[in-house]
Amino acid sequence: MAEGERKTALEMVQAAGTDRHCVTFVLHEEDHTLGNSLRYMIMKNPEVEFCGYTTTHPSESKINLRIQTRGTLPAVEPFQRGLNELMNVCQHVLDKFEASIKDYKDQKASRNESTF
């Protein structure tokens, strides 16, 4: 790779003779953490007939995520929707976690003040 050139983080691969309803997305620098959670979010969509992922090799950090829809929408739409829903879930968990830390610190501070 030439200096200053960016590596592609996402590729779309379609087998010859297939339509846009069945696509494999190659996500570079990712592993089971994203693969399994994204697969779960995508499979919640009733228009998705199949979604699965594989890691190519233990020494490579990329996953192949295959999506096949029932034919009413292109595979890229449930992929984008799944990513957005997963980001929303992660943000919700982060917000709850930060609120719990704040509550804990506030309770600890109020207990320390009451002992004086």
PDB file of N, CA and C in Angstrom:
ATOM      1  N   MET A   1       0.838  -1.168   0.000  1.00  0.00           N
ATOM      2  CA  MET A   1       0.000   0.000   0.000  1.00  0.00           C
ATOM      3  C   MET A   1       0.889   1.238   0.000  1.00  0.00           C
ATOM      4  N   ALA A   2       0.567   2.196  -0.832  1.00  0.00           N
ATOM      5  CA  ALA A   2       1.358   3.419  -0.940  1.00  0.00           C
ATOM      6  C   ALA A   2       1.137   4.308   0.276  1.00  0.00           C
ATOM      7  N   GLU A   3       2.131   5.144   0.549  1.00  0.00           N
ATOM      8  CA  GLU A   3       2.035   6.039   1.694  1.00  0.00           C
ATOM      9  C   GLU A   3       0.890   7.020   1.490  1.00  0.00           C
ATOM     10  N   GLY A   4       0.103   7.246   2.544  1.00  0.00           N
ATOM     11  CA  GLY A   4      -1.028   8.151   2.467  1.00  0.00           C
ATOM     12  C   GLY A   4      -2.289   7.507   1.922  1.00  0.00           C
ATOM     13  N   GLU A   5      -2.213   6.262   1.463  1.00  0.00           N
ATOM     14  CA  GLU A   5      -3.363   5.555   0.920  1.00  0.00           C
ATOM     15  C   GLU A   5      -4.120   4.883   2.059  1.00  0.00           C
ATOM     16  N   ARG A   6      -5.440   5.018   2.059  1.00  0.00           N
ATOM     17  CA  ARG A   6      -6.252   4.414   3.109  1.00  0.00           C
ATOM     18  C   ARG A   6      -6.702   3.025   2.707  1.00  0.00           C
ATOM     19  N   LYS A   7      -6.682   2.118   3.681  1.00  0.00           N
ATOM     20  CA  LYS A   7      -7.163   0.762   3.452  1.00  0.00           C
ATOM     21  C   LYS A   7      -8.691   0.762   3.541  1.00  0.00           C
ATOM     22  N   THR A   8      -9.354   0.072   2.631  1.00  0.00           N
ATOM     23  CA  THR A   8     -10.803  -0.008   2.630  1.00  0.00           C
ATOM     24  C   THR A   8     -11.266  -0.830   3.824  1.00  0.00           C
ATOM     25  N   ALA A   9     -12.222  -0.305   4.588  1.00  0.00           N
ATOM     26  CA  ALA A   9     -12.725  -1.000   5.771  1.00  0.00           C
ATOM     27  C   ALA A   9     -13.875  -1.933   5.428  1.00  0.00           C
ATOM     28  N   LEU A  10     -14.521  -1.706   4.271  1.00  0.00           N
ATOM     29  CA  LEU A  10     -15.694  -2.483   3.891  1.00  0.00           C
ATOM     30  C   LEU A  10     -15.677  -2.744   2.397  1.00  0.00           C
ATOM     31  N   GLU A  11     -15.986  -3.986   2.034  1.00  0.00           N
ATOM     32  CA  GLU A  11     -16.128  -4.354   0.625  1.00  0.00           C
ATOM     33  C   GLU A  11     -17.447  -5.073   0.451  1.00  0.00           C
ATOM     34  N   MET A  12     -18.062  -4.925  -0.720  1.00  0.00           N
ATOM     35  CA  MET A  12     -19.254  -5.698  -1.070  1.00  0.00           C
ATOM     36  C   MET A  12     -18.865  -6.672  -2.161  1.00  0.00           C
ATOM     37  N   VAL A  13     -19.222  -7.938  -1.955  1.00  0.00           N
ATOM     38  CA  VAL A  13     -18.878  -8.979  -2.922  1.00  0.00           C
ATOM     39  C   VAL A  13     -20.161  -9.682  -3.353  1.00  0.00           C
ATOM     40  N   GLN A  14     -20.392  -9.730  -4.666  1.00  0.00           N
ATOM     41  CA  GLN A  14     -21.533 -10.456  -5.200  1.00  0.00           C
ATOM     42  C   GLN A  14     -21.014 -11.540  -6.128  1.00  0.00           C
ATOM     43  N   ALA A  15     -21.546 -12.738  -5.976  1.00  0.00           N
ATOM     44  CA  ALA A  15     -21.163 -13.830  -6.861  1.00  0.00           C
ATOM     45  C   ALA A  15     -21.758 -13.578  -8.242  1.00  0.00           C
ATOM     46  N   ALA A  16     -21.094 -14.093  -9.246  1.00  0.00           N
ATOM     47  CA  ALA A  16     -21.579 -13.920 -10.616  1.00  0.00           C
ATOM     48  C   ALA A  16     -22.965 -14.537 -10.746  1.00  0.00           C
ATOM     49  N   GLY A  17     -23.858 -13.809 -11.372  1.00  0.00           N
ATOM     50  CA  GLY A  17     -25.210 -14.315 -11.596  1.00  0.00           C
ATOM     51  C   GLY A  17     -26.172 -14.057 -10.448  1.00  0.00           C
ATOM     52  N   THR A  18     -25.710 -13.429  -9.368  1.00  0.00           N
ATOM     53  CA  THR A  18     -26.617 -13.134  -8.256  1.00  0.00           C
ATOM     54  C   THR A  18     -27.095 -11.690  -8.359  1.00  0.00           C
ATOM     55  N   ASP A  19     -28.179 -11.417  -7.685  1.00  0.00           N
ATOM     56  CA  ASP A  19     -28.710 -10.053  -7.707  1.00  0.00           C
ATOM     57  C   ASP A  19     -28.340  -9.317  -6.423  1.00  0.00           C
ATOM     58  N   ARG A  20     -28.865  -8.138  -6.251  1.00  0.00           N
ATOM     59  CA  ARG A  20     -28.501  -7.312  -5.104  1.00  0.00           C
ATOM     60  C   ARG A  20     -29.170  -7.756  -3.807  1.00  0.00           C
ATOM     61  N   HIS A  21     -29.935  -8.837  -3.859  1.00  0.00           N
ATOM     62  CA  HIS A  21     -30.615  -9.342  -2.669  1.00  0.00           C
ATOM     63  C   HIS A  21     -29.765 -10.342  -1.891  1.00  0.00           C
ATOM     64  N   CYS A  22     -28.630 -10.691  -2.437  1.00  0.00           N
ATOM     65  CA  CYS A  22     -27.738 -11.645  -1.789  1.00  0.00           C
ATOM     66  C   CYS A  22     -26.297 -11.131  -1.937  1.00  0.00           C
ATOM     67  N   VAL A  23     -25.771 -10.596  -0.843  1.00  0.00           N
ATOM     68  CA  VAL A  23     -24.471  -9.930  -0.892  1.00  0.00           C
ATOM     69  C   VAL A  23     -23.628 -10.364   0.300  1.00  0.00           C
ATOM     70  N   THR A  24     -22.313 -10.460   0.072  1.00  0.00           N
ATOM     71  CA  THR A  24     -21.359 -10.676   1.158  1.00  0.00           C
ATOM     72  C   THR A  24     -20.611  -9.381   1.390  1.00  0.00           C
ATOM     73  N   PHE A  25     -20.597  -8.956   2.638  1.00  0.00           N
ATOM     74  CA  PHE A  25     -19.870  -7.756   3.042  1.00  0.00           C
ATOM     75  C   PHE A  25     -18.603  -8.211   3.751  1.00  0.00           C
ATOM     76  N   VAL A  26     -17.459  -7.709   3.317  1.00  0.00           N
ATOM     77  CA  VAL A  26     -16.183  -8.030   3.947  1.00  0.00           C
ATOM     78  C   VAL A  26     -15.804  -6.838   4.817  1.00  0.00           C
ATOM     79  N   LEU A  27     -15.731  -7.074   6.122  1.00  0.00           N
ATOM     80  CA  LEU A  27     -15.389  -6.018   7.079  1.00  0.00           C
ATOM     81  C   LEU A  27     -13.978  -6.269   7.582  1.00  0.00           C
ATOM     82  N   HIS A  28     -13.072  -5.364   7.246  1.00  0.00           N
ATOM     83  CA  HIS A  28     -11.672  -5.500   7.637  1.00  0.00           C
ATOM     84  C   HIS A  28     -11.470  -4.978   9.055  1.00  0.00           C
ATOM     85  N   GLU A  29     -10.483  -5.526   9.738  1.00  0.00           N
ATOM     86  CA  GLU A  29     -10.135  -5.143  11.119  1.00  0.00           C
ATOM     87  C   GLU A  29     -11.294  -5.365  12.086  1.00  0.00           C
ATOM     88  N   GLU A  30     -12.092  -6.408  11.850  1.00  0.00           N
ATOM     89  CA  GLU A  30     -13.203  -6.757  12.737  1.00  0.00           C
ATOM     90  C   GLU A  30     -13.133  -8.240  13.071  1.00  0.00           C
ATOM     91  N   ASP A  31     -13.888  -8.642  14.114  1.00  0.00           N
ATOM     92  CA  ASP A  31     -13.876 -10.035  14.542  1.00  0.00           C
ATOM     93  C   ASP A  31     -15.262 -10.441  15.032  1.00  0.00           C
ATOM     94  N   HIS A  32     -15.321 -11.488  15.860  1.00  0.00           N
ATOM     95  CA  HIS A  32     -16.596 -12.015  16.345  1.00  0.00           C
ATOM     96  C   HIS A  32     -17.413 -10.982  17.117  1.00  0.00           C
ATOM     97  N   THR A  33     -16.753 -10.036  17.749  1.00  0.00           N
ATOM     98  CA  THR A  33     -17.466  -9.049  18.557  1.00  0.00           C
ATOM     99  C   THR A  33     -18.494  -8.311  17.709  1.00  0.00           C
ATOM    100  N   LEU A  34     -18.074  -7.786  16.586  1.00  0.00           N
ATOM    101  CA  LEU A  34     -19.015  -7.107  15.698  1.00  0.00           C
ATOM    102  C   LEU A  34     -19.835  -8.113  14.901  1.00  0.00           C
ATOM    103  N   GLY A  35     -19.218  -9.164  14.441  1.00  0.00           N
ATOM    104  CA  GLY A  35     -19.903 -10.123  13.569  1.00  0.00           C
ATOM    105  C   GLY A  35     -21.145 -10.721  14.195  1.00  0.00           C
ATOM    106  N   ASN A  36     -21.034 -11.208  15.412  1.00  0.00           N
ATOM    107  CA  ASN A  36     -22.170 -11.868  16.046  1.00  0.00           C
ATOM    108  C   ASN A  36     -23.260 -10.883  16.430  1.00  0.00           C
ATOM    109  N   SER A  37     -22.896  -9.734  16.975  1.00  0.00           N
ATOM    110  CA  SER A  37     -23.909  -8.761  17.376  1.00  0.00           C
ATOM    111  C   SER A  37     -24.615  -8.159  16.152  1.00  0.00           C
ATOM    112  N   LEU A  38     -23.875  -7.914  15.086  1.00  0.00           N
ATOM    113  CA  LEU A  38     -24.477  -7.383  13.865  1.00  0.00           C
ATOM    114  C   LEU A  38     -25.383  -8.423  13.212  1.00  0.00           C
ATOM    115  N   ARG A  39     -24.964  -9.672  13.203  1.00  0.00           N
ATOM    116  CA  ARG A  39     -25.794 -10.747  12.661  1.00  0.00           C
ATOM    117  C   ARG A  39     -27.120 -10.818  13.411  1.00  0.00           C
ATOM    118  N   TYR A  40     -27.066 -10.710  14.736  1.00  0.00           N
ATOM    119  CA  TYR A  40     -28.277 -10.750  15.557  1.00  0.00           C
ATOM    120  C   TYR A  40     -29.219  -9.598  15.198  1.00  0.00           C
ATOM    121  N   MET A  41     -28.671  -8.387  15.095  1.00  0.00           N
ATOM    122  CA  MET A  41     -29.504  -7.223  14.787  1.00  0.00           C
ATOM    123  C   MET A  41     -30.136  -7.337  13.395  1.00  0.00           C
ATOM    124  N   ILE A  42     -29.397  -7.848  12.442  1.00  0.00           N
ATOM    125  CA  ILE A  42     -29.905  -7.972  11.066  1.00  0.00           C
ATOM    126  C   ILE A  42     -30.982  -9.046  10.988  1.00  0.00           C
ATOM    127  N   MET A  43     -30.797 -10.145  11.714  1.00  0.00           N
ATOM    128  CA  MET A  43     -31.772 -11.240  11.660  1.00  0.00           C
ATOM    129  C   MET A  43     -33.112 -10.874  12.292  1.00  0.00           C
ATOM    130  N   LYS A  44     -33.167  -9.803  13.064  1.00  0.00           N
ATOM    131  CA  LYS A  44     -34.434  -9.355  13.630  1.00  0.00           C
ATOM    132  C   LYS A  44     -35.355  -8.783  12.554  1.00  0.00           C
ATOM    133  N   ASN A  45     -34.798  -8.422  11.410  1.00  0.00           N
ATOM    134  CA  ASN A  45     -35.575  -7.861  10.302  1.00  0.00           C
ATOM    135  C   ASN A  45     -36.331  -9.003   9.602  1.00  0.00           C
ATOM    136  N   PRO A  46     -37.678  -8.946   9.524  1.00  0.00           N
ATOM    137  CA  PRO A  46     -38.441 -10.042   8.905  1.00  0.00           C
ATOM    138  C   PRO A  46     -38.198 -10.191   7.405  1.00  0.00           C
ATOM    139  N   GLU A  47     -37.639  -9.176   6.760  1.00  0.00           N
ATOM    140  CA  GLU A  47     -37.357  -9.257   5.328  1.00  0.00           C
ATOM    141  C   GLU A  47     -36.057 -10.012   5.038  1.00  0.00           C
ATOM    142  N   VAL A  48     -35.287 -10.319   6.078  1.00  0.00           N
ATOM    143  CA  VAL A  48     -34.012 -11.015   5.902  1.00  0.00           C
ATOM    144  C   VAL A  48     -34.248 -12.519   6.012  1.00  0.00           C
ATOM    145  N   GLU A  49     -33.866 -13.228   4.971  1.00  0.00           N
ATOM    146  CA  GLU A  49     -34.020 -14.678   4.942  1.00  0.00           C
ATOM    147  C   GLU A  49     -32.829 -15.373   5.594  1.00  0.00           C
ATOM    148  N   PHE A  50     -31.634 -14.830   5.384  1.00  0.00           N
ATOM    149  CA  PHE A  50     -30.420 -15.424   5.944  1.00  0.00           C
ATOM    150  C   PHE A  50     -29.411 -14.329   6.253  1.00  0.00           C
ATOM    151  N   CYS A  51     -28.731 -14.488   7.375  1.00  0.00           N
ATOM    152  CA  CYS A  51     -27.594 -13.639   7.702  1.00  0.00           C
ATOM    153  C   CYS A  51     -26.638 -14.480   8.532  1.00  0.00           C
ATOM    154  N   GLY A  52     -25.409 -14.534   8.099  1.00  0.00           N
ATOM    155  CA  GLY A  52     -24.384 -15.275   8.827  1.00  0.00           C
ATOM    156  C   GLY A  52     -23.030 -14.658   8.567  1.00  0.00           C
ATOM    157  N   TYR A  53     -22.078 -15.009   9.418  1.00  0.00           N
ATOM    158  CA  TYR A  53     -20.745 -14.452   9.229  1.00  0.00           C
ATOM    159  C   TYR A  53     -19.701 -15.532   9.496  1.00  0.00           C
ATOM    160  N   THR A  54     -18.540 -15.326   8.930  1.00  0.00           N
ATOM    161  CA  THR A  54     -17.396 -16.196   9.187  1.00  0.00           C
ATOM    162  C   THR A  54     -16.157 -15.328   9.331  1.00  0.00           C
ATOM    163  N   THR A  55     -15.211 -15.848  10.102  1.00  0.00           N
ATOM    164  CA  THR A  55     -13.888 -15.228  10.112  1.00  0.00           C
ATOM    165  C   THR A  55     -13.077 -15.996   9.090  1.00  0.00           C
ATOM    166  N   THR A  56     -12.282 -15.295   8.333  1.00  0.00           N
ATOM    167  CA  THR A  56     -11.559 -15.952   7.242  1.00  0.00           C
ATOM    168  C   THR A  56     -10.467 -16.876   7.757  1.00  0.00           C
ATOM    169  N   HIS A  57      -9.713 -16.404   8.739  1.00  0.00           N
ATOM    170  CA  HIS A  57      -8.615 -17.183   9.306  1.00  0.00           C
ATOM    171  C   HIS A  57      -8.251 -16.550  10.643  1.00  0.00           C
ATOM    172  N   PRO A  58      -7.840 -17.347  11.629  1.00  0.00           N
ATOM    173  CA  PRO A  58      -7.510 -16.750  12.936  1.00  0.00           C
ATOM    174  C   PRO A  58      -6.424 -15.672  12.885  1.00  0.00           C
ATOM    175  N   SER A  59      -5.542 -15.748  11.911  1.00  0.00           N
ATOM    176  CA  SER A  59      -4.474 -14.742  11.835  1.00  0.00           C
ATOM    177  C   SER A  59      -4.894 -13.494  11.051  1.00  0.00           C
ATOM    178  N   GLU A  60      -6.067 -13.521  10.419  1.00  0.00           N
ATOM    179  CA  GLU A  60      -6.576 -12.357   9.687  1.00  0.00           C
ATOM    180  C   GLU A  60      -7.679 -11.699  10.507  1.00  0.00           C
ATOM    181  N   SER A  61      -7.679 -10.391  10.521  1.00  0.00           N
ATOM    182  CA  SER A  61      -8.715  -9.684  11.271  1.00  0.00           C
ATOM    183  C   SER A  61      -9.758  -9.117  10.316  1.00  0.00           C
ATOM    184  N   LYS A  62     -10.535 -10.022   9.741  1.00  0.00           N
ATOM    185  CA  LYS A  62     -11.645  -9.599   8.896  1.00  0.00           C
ATOM    186  C   LYS A  62     -12.737 -10.658   8.955  1.00  0.00           C
ATOM    187  N   ILE A  63     -13.964 -10.213   8.713  1.00  0.00           N
ATOM    188  CA  ILE A  63     -15.092 -11.134   8.696  1.00  0.00           C
ATOM    189  C   ILE A  63     -15.850 -10.972   7.386  1.00  0.00           C
ATOM    190  N   ASN A  64     -16.491 -12.061   6.987  1.00  0.00           N
ATOM    191  CA  ASN A  64     -17.387 -12.057   5.836  1.00  0.00           C
ATOM    192  C   ASN A  64     -18.805 -12.173   6.378  1.00  0.00           C
ATOM    193  N   LEU A  65     -19.632 -11.185   6.115  1.00  0.00           N
ATOM    194  CA  LEU A  65     -21.010 -11.155   6.582  1.00  0.00           C
ATOM    195  C   LEU A  65     -21.914 -11.306   5.369  1.00  0.00           C
ATOM    196  N   ARG A  66     -22.663 -12.389   5.329  1.00  0.00           N
ATOM    197  CA  ARG A  66     -23.530 -12.692   4.181  1.00  0.00           C
ATOM    198  C   ARG A  66     -24.971 -12.371   4.542  1.00  0.00           C
ATOM    199  N   ILE A  67     -25.638 -11.603   3.681  1.00  0.00           N
ATOM    200  CA  ILE A  67     -27.044 -11.254   3.890  1.00  0.00           C
ATOM    201  C   ILE A  67     -27.828 -11.640   2.643  1.00  0.00           C
ATOM    202  N   GLN A  68     -28.949 -12.336   2.868  1.00  0.00           N
ATOM    203  CA  GLN A  68     -29.857 -12.676   1.779  1.00  0.00           C
ATOM    204  C   GLN A  68     -31.258 -12.254   2.207  1.00  0.00           C
ATOM    205  N   THR A  69     -31.880 -11.393   1.401  1.00  0.00           N
ATOM    206  CA  THR A  69     -33.229 -10.932   1.712  1.00  0.00           C
ATOM    207  C   THR A  69     -34.243 -11.762   0.939  1.00  0.00           C
ATOM    208  N   ARG A  70     -35.495 -11.572   1.274  1.00  0.00           N
ATOM    209  CA  ARG A  70     -36.577 -12.330   0.628  1.00  0.00           C
ATOM    210  C   ARG A  70     -36.900 -11.791  -0.761  1.00  0.00           C
ATOM    211  N   GLY A  71     -36.173 -10.790  -1.211  1.00  0.00           N
ATOM    212  CA  GLY A  71     -36.345 -10.285  -2.569  1.00  0.00           C
ATOM    213  C   GLY A  71     -37.069  -8.961  -2.656  1.00  0.00           C
ATOM    214  N   THR A  72     -37.538  -8.433  -1.529  1.00  0.00           N
ATOM    215  CA  THR A  72     -38.265  -7.167  -1.588  1.00  0.00           C
ATOM    216  C   THR A  72     -37.361  -5.957  -1.429  1.00  0.00           C
ATOM    217  N   LEU A  73     -36.189  -6.134  -0.826  1.00  0.00           N
ATOM    218  CA  LEU A  73     -35.267  -5.013  -0.688  1.00  0.00           C
ATOM    219  C   LEU A  73     -33.837  -5.497  -0.863  1.00  0.00           C
ATOM    220  N   PRO A  74     -32.943  -4.598  -1.293  1.00  0.00           N
ATOM    221  CA  PRO A  74     -31.548  -4.993  -1.480  1.00  0.00           C
ATOM    222  C   PRO A  74     -30.880  -5.270  -0.131  1.00  0.00           C
ATOM    223  N   ALA A  75     -29.882  -6.120  -0.137  1.00  0.00           N
ATOM    224  CA  ALA A  75     -29.201  -6.551   1.092  1.00  0.00           C
ATOM    225  C   ALA A  75     -28.499  -5.415   1.810  1.00  0.00           C
ATOM    226  N   VAL A  76     -28.157  -4.362   1.105  1.00  0.00           N
ATOM    227  CA  VAL A  76     -27.450  -3.251   1.739  1.00  0.00           C
ATOM    228  C   VAL A  76     -28.351  -2.515   2.743  1.00  0.00           C
ATOM    229  N   GLU A  77     -29.661  -2.515   2.530  1.00  0.00           N
ATOM    230  CA  GLU A  77     -30.567  -1.817   3.442  1.00  0.00           C
ATOM    231  C   GLU A  77     -30.625  -2.458   4.829  1.00  0.00           C
ATOM    232  N   PRO A  78     -30.819  -3.777   4.959  1.00  0.00           N
ATOM    233  CA  PRO A  78     -30.780  -4.350   6.309  1.00  0.00           C
ATOM    234  C   PRO A  78     -29.393  -4.257   6.941  1.00  0.00           C
ATOM    235  N   PHE A  79     -28.351  -4.225   6.120  1.00  0.00           N
ATOM    236  CA  PHE A  79     -26.996  -4.047   6.650  1.00  0.00           C
ATOM    237  C   PHE A  79     -26.867  -2.678   7.320  1.00  0.00           C
ATOM    238  N   GLN A  80     -27.290  -1.626   6.622  1.00  0.00           N
ATOM    239  CA  GLN A  80     -27.225  -0.273   7.170  1.00  0.00           C
ATOM    240  C   GLN A  80     -28.128  -0.127   8.390  1.00  0.00           C
ATOM    241  N   ARG A  81     -29.312  -0.689   8.303  1.00  0.00           N
ATOM    242  CA  ARG A  81     -30.250  -0.616   9.425  1.00  0.00           C
ATOM    243  C   ARG A  81     -29.694  -1.354  10.647  1.00  0.00           C
ATOM    244  N   GLY A  82     -29.094  -2.513  10.427  1.00  0.00           N
ATOM    245  CA  GLY A  82     -28.502  -3.266  11.519  1.00  0.00           C
ATOM    246  C   GLY A  82     -27.372  -2.513  12.186  1.00  0.00           C
ATOM    247  N   LEU A  83     -26.532  -1.861  11.388  1.00  0.00           N
ATOM    248  CA  LEU A  83     -25.445  -1.049  11.955  1.00  0.00           C
ATOM    249  C   LEU A  83     -26.001   0.102  12.792  1.00  0.00           C
ATOM    250  N   ASN A  84     -27.018   0.784  12.284  1.00  0.00           N
ATOM    251  CA  ASN A  84     -27.626   1.896  13.023  1.00  0.00           C
ATOM    252  C   ASN A  84     -28.267   1.423  14.323  1.00  0.00           C
ATOM    253  N   GLU A  85     -28.996   0.312  14.280  1.00  0.00           N
ATOM    254  CA  GLU A  85     -29.637  -0.216  15.482  1.00  0.00           C
ATOM    255  C   GLU A  85     -28.596  -0.658  16.503  1.00  0.00           C
ATOM    256  N   LEU A  86     -27.523  -1.255  16.035  1.00  0.00           N
ATOM    257  CA  LEU A  86     -26.458  -1.689  16.939  1.00  0.00           C
ATOM    258  C   LEU A  86     -25.778  -0.484  17.587  1.00  0.00           C
ATOM    259  N   MET A  87     -25.560   0.572  16.828  1.00  0.00           N
ATOM    260  CA  MET A  87     -24.984   1.795  17.404  1.00  0.00           C
ATOM    261  C   MET A  87     -25.920   2.377  18.461  1.00  0.00           C
ATOM    262  N   ASN A  88     -27.232   2.349  18.202  1.00  0.00           N
ATOM    263  CA  ASN A  88     -28.199   2.859  19.181  1.00  0.00           C
ATOM    264  C   ASN A  88     -28.178   2.034  20.465  1.00  0.00           C
ATOM    265  N   VAL A  89     -28.094   0.722  20.342  1.00  0.00           N
ATOM    266  CA  VAL A  89     -28.033  -0.148  21.519  1.00  0.00           C
ATOM    267  C   VAL A  89     -26.755   0.126  22.306  1.00  0.00           C
ATOM    268  N   CYS A  90     -25.638   0.240  21.616  1.00  0.00           N
ATOM    269  CA  CYS A  90     -24.360   0.517  22.292  1.00  0.00           C
ATOM    270  C   CYS A  90     -24.403   1.866  22.999  1.00  0.00           C
ATOM    271  N   GLN A  91     -24.999   2.874  22.368  1.00  0.00           N
ATOM    272  CA  GLN A  91     -25.107   4.187  22.998  1.00  0.00           C
ATOM    273  C   GLN A  91     -25.991   4.123  24.235  1.00  0.00           C
ATOM    274  N   HIS A  92     -27.079   3.371  24.160  1.00  0.00           N
ATOM    275  CA  HIS A  92     -27.975   3.215  25.316  1.00  0.00           C
ATOM    276  C   HIS A  92     -27.239   2.548  26.484  1.00  0.00           C
ATOM    277  N   VAL A  93     -26.495   1.493  26.202  1.00  0.00           N
ATOM    278  CA  VAL A  93     -25.732   0.811  27.248  1.00  0.00           C
ATOM    279  C   VAL A  93     -24.699   1.756  27.853  1.00  0.00           C
ATOM    280  N   LEU A  94     -24.002   2.508  27.015  1.00  0.00           N
ATOM    281  CA  LEU A  94     -23.014   3.468  27.500  1.00  0.00           C
ATOM    282  C   LEU A  94     -23.660   4.530  28.380  1.00  0.00           C
ATOM    283  N   ASP A  95     -24.805   5.059  27.955  1.00  0.00           N
ATOM    284  CA  ASP A  95     -25.509   6.072  28.741  1.00  0.00           C
ATOM    285  C   ASP A  95     -25.911   5.527  30.114  1.00  0.00           C
ATOM    286  N   LYS A  96     -26.467   4.320  30.144  1.00  0.00           N
ATOM    287  CA  LYS A  96     -26.868   3.696  31.412  1.00  0.00           C
ATOM    288  C   LYS A  96     -25.660   3.453  32.306  1.00  0.00           C
ATOM    289  N   PHE A  97     -24.565   3.005  31.726  1.00  0.00           N
ATOM    290  CA  PHE A  97     -23.347   2.748  32.487  1.00  0.00           C
ATOM    291  C   PHE A  97     -22.816   4.032  33.119  1.00  0.00           C
ATOM    292  N   GLU A  98     -22.736   5.091  32.328  1.00  0.00           N
ATOM    293  CA  GLU A  98     -22.244   6.373  32.835  1.00  0.00           C
ATOM    294  C   GLU A  98     -23.169   6.938  33.912  1.00  0.00           C
ATOM    295  N   ALA A  99     -24.488   6.763  33.749  1.00  0.00           N
ATOM    296  CA  ALA A  99     -25.436   7.226  34.760  1.00  0.00           C
ATOM    297  C   ALA A  99     -25.258   6.443  36.062  1.00  0.00           C
ATOM    298  N   SER A 100     -25.012   5.149  35.955  1.00  0.00           N
ATOM    299  CA  SER A 100     -24.793   4.325  37.149  1.00  0.00           C
ATOM    300  C   SER A 100     -23.519   4.731  37.872  1.00  0.00           C
ATOM    301  N   ILE A 101     -22.477   5.032  37.129  1.00  0.00           N
ATOM    302  CA  ILE A 101     -21.222   5.484  37.748  1.00  0.00           C
ATOM    303  C   ILE A 101     -21.457   6.804  38.482  1.00  0.00           C
ATOM    304  N   LYS A 102     -22.179   7.713  37.841  1.00  0.00           N
ATOM    305  CA  LYS A 102     -22.477   9.001  38.473  1.00  0.00           C
ATOM    306  C   LYS A 102     -23.289   8.801  39.751  1.00  0.00           C
ATOM    307  N   ASP A 103     -24.312   7.944  39.705  1.00  0.00           N
ATOM    308  CA  ASP A 103     -25.123   7.664  40.891  1.00  0.00           C
ATOM    309  C   ASP A 103     -24.267   7.086  42.018  1.00  0.00           C
ATOM    310  N   TYR A 104     -23.397   6.164  41.664  1.00  0.00           N
ATOM    311  CA  TYR A 104     -22.521   5.549  42.659  1.00  0.00           C
ATOM    312  C   TYR A 104     -21.615   6.593  43.314  1.00  0.00           C
ATOM    313  N   LYS A 105     -21.011   7.441  42.493  1.00  0.00           N
ATOM    314  CA  LYS A 105     -20.129   8.485  43.035  1.00  0.00           C
ATOM    315  C   LYS A 105     -20.901   9.474  43.898  1.00  0.00           C
ATOM    316  N   ASP A 106     -22.124   9.826  43.466  1.00  0.00           N
ATOM    317  CA  ASP A 106     -22.954  10.742  44.249  1.00  0.00           C
ATOM    318  C   ASP A 106     -23.320  10.127  45.605  1.00  0.00           C
ATOM    319  N   GLN A 107     -23.689   8.851  45.614  1.00  0.00           N
ATOM    320  CA  GLN A 107     -24.033   8.162  46.861  1.00  0.00           C
ATOM    321  C   GLN A 107     -22.822   8.065  47.772  1.00  0.00           C
ATOM    322  N   LYS A 108     -21.678   7.766  47.205  1.00  0.00           N
ATOM    323  CA  LYS A 108     -20.451   7.650  47.986  1.00  0.00           C
ATOM    324  C   LYS A 108     -20.091   9.004  48.601  1.00  0.00           C
ATOM    325  N   ALA A 109     -20.231  10.072  47.816  1.00  0.00           N
ATOM    326  CA  ALA A 109     -19.928  11.406  48.312  1.00  0.00           C
ATOM    327  C   ALA A 109     -20.892  11.820  49.417  1.00  0.00           C
ATOM    328  N   SER A 110     -22.175  11.491  49.270  1.00  0.00           N
ATOM    329  CA  SER A 110     -23.159  11.862  50.286  1.00  0.00           C
ATOM    330  C   SER A 110     -22.937  11.066  51.574  1.00  0.00           C
ATOM    331  N   ARG A 111     -22.483   9.834  51.482  1.00  0.00           N
ATOM    332  CA  ARG A 111     -22.169   9.036  52.673  1.00  0.00           C
ATOM    333  C   ARG A 111     -20.941   9.615  53.392  1.00  0.00           C
ATOM    334  N   ASN A 112     -19.969  10.063  52.628  1.00  0.00           N
ATOM    335  CA  ASN A 112     -18.771  10.658  53.234  1.00  0.00           C
ATOM    336  C   ASN A 112     -19.102  11.977  53.915  1.00  0.00           C
ATOM    337  N   GLU A 113     -19.991  12.768  53.353  1.00  0.00           N
ATOM    338  CA  GLU A 113     -20.389  14.042  53.947  1.00  0.00           C
ATOM    339  C   GLU A 113     -21.166  13.830  55.240  1.00  0.00           C
ATOM    340  N   SER A 114     -21.989  12.792  55.292  1.00  0.00           N
ATOM    341  CA  SER A 114     -22.826  12.569  56.475  1.00  0.00           C
ATOM    342  C   SER A 114     -22.022  12.035  57.664  1.00  0.00           C
ATOM    343  N   THR A 115     -20.842  11.511  57.448  1.00  0.00           N
ATOM    344  CA  THR A 115     -20.034  10.987  58.558  1.00  0.00           C
ATOM    345  C   THR A 115     -19.270  12.078  59.276  1.00  0.00           C
ATOM    346  N   PHE A 116     -19.183  13.261  58.704  1.00  0.00           N
ATOM    347  CA  PHE A 116     -18.431  14.354  59.342  1.00  0.00           C
ATOM    348  C   PHE A 116     -19.304  15.134  60.256  1.00  0.00           C
TER     349      PHE A 116
END
